Amino acid sequence: MTALRLQLHRFDRKTGIACSRCGTRSQTTAVATLDADRTRLVDRGCYDAWSKQLG
């Protein structure tokens, strides 16, 4: 089983996303990608939660 790789990115201005983990739509300046896949965006709250779980 391969571990997921999360990477946090910052935008210059707020951008609308739909989190692939929780489904929440939000306007944010920080977003994470799963395994460098820009179609699998994760919001900051889920990034923080997942980061703690993944170690």
Protein backbone atom coordinates (compact mmCIF):
# COMPACT_ATOMS: atom_id res chain seq x y z
CA MET A 1 0.00 0.00 0.00
CA THR A 2 1.44 3.37 -1.05
CA ALA A 3 1.14 6.31 1.36
CA LEU A 4 -0.64 9.43 0.18
CA ARG A 5 1.55 12.44 -0.38
CA LEU A 6 0.08 15.79 0.61
CA GLN A 7 1.62 19.05 -0.55
CA LEU A 8 0.38 22.48 0.51
CA HIS A 9 0.22 25.33 -2.04
CA ARG A 10 -0.51 29.03 -1.59
CA PHE A 11 -2.31 31.33 -4.03
CA ASP A 12 -1.88 35.10 -4.35
CA ARG A 13 -5.64 35.59 -3.98
CA LYS A 14 -8.64 33.58 -2.81
CA THR A 15 -9.67 30.79 -5.16
CA GLY A 16 -12.81 28.68 -5.06
CA ILE A 17 -12.27 24.95 -4.47
CA ALA A 18 -14.26 21.86 -3.56
CA CYS A 19 -12.38 19.67 -1.09
CA SER A 20 -12.02 16.10 -2.35
CA ARG A 21 -11.93 14.78 1.23
CA CYS A 22 -14.97 16.44 2.86
CA GLY A 23 -16.80 17.94 -0.14
CA THR A 24 -16.89 21.46 1.32
CA ARG A 25 -16.77 24.34 -1.16
CA SER A 26 -14.70 27.29 0.00
CA GLN A 27 -12.74 30.37 -1.03
CA THR A 28 -9.15 29.94 0.11
CA THR A 29 -5.57 31.04 -0.40
CA ALA A 30 -4.13 27.69 0.74
CA VAL A 31 -4.88 24.33 -0.85
CA ALA A 32 -3.22 20.93 -0.78
CA THR A 33 -2.89 18.38 -3.55
CA LEU A 34 -2.94 14.62 -3.13
CA ASP A 35 -0.08 12.90 -4.92
CA ALA A 36 0.51 16.05 -7.03
CA ASP A 37 -2.92 15.59 -8.66
CA ARG A 38 -4.52 19.02 -9.11
CA THR A 39 -7.93 17.39 -9.61
CA ARG A 40 -7.78 16.08 -6.00
CA LEU A 41 -7.67 19.32 -3.99
CA VAL A 42 -7.88 19.34 -0.21
CA ASP A 43 -8.82 22.37 1.93
CA ARG A 44 -6.63 23.59 4.78
CA GLY A 45 -8.73 22.02 7.53
CA CYS A 46 -8.56 18.56 5.95
CA TYR A 47 -4.87 19.05 5.16
CA ASP A 48 -4.17 19.74 8.85
CA ALA A 49 -6.23 16.73 9.97
CA TRP A 50 -4.67 14.37 7.43
CA SER A 51 -1.15 15.61 8.16
CA LYS A 52 -1.59 14.65 11.80
CA GLN A 53 -2.89 11.20 10.86
CA LEU A 54 -0.15 10.53 8.30
CA GLY A 55 2.62 11.71 10.61
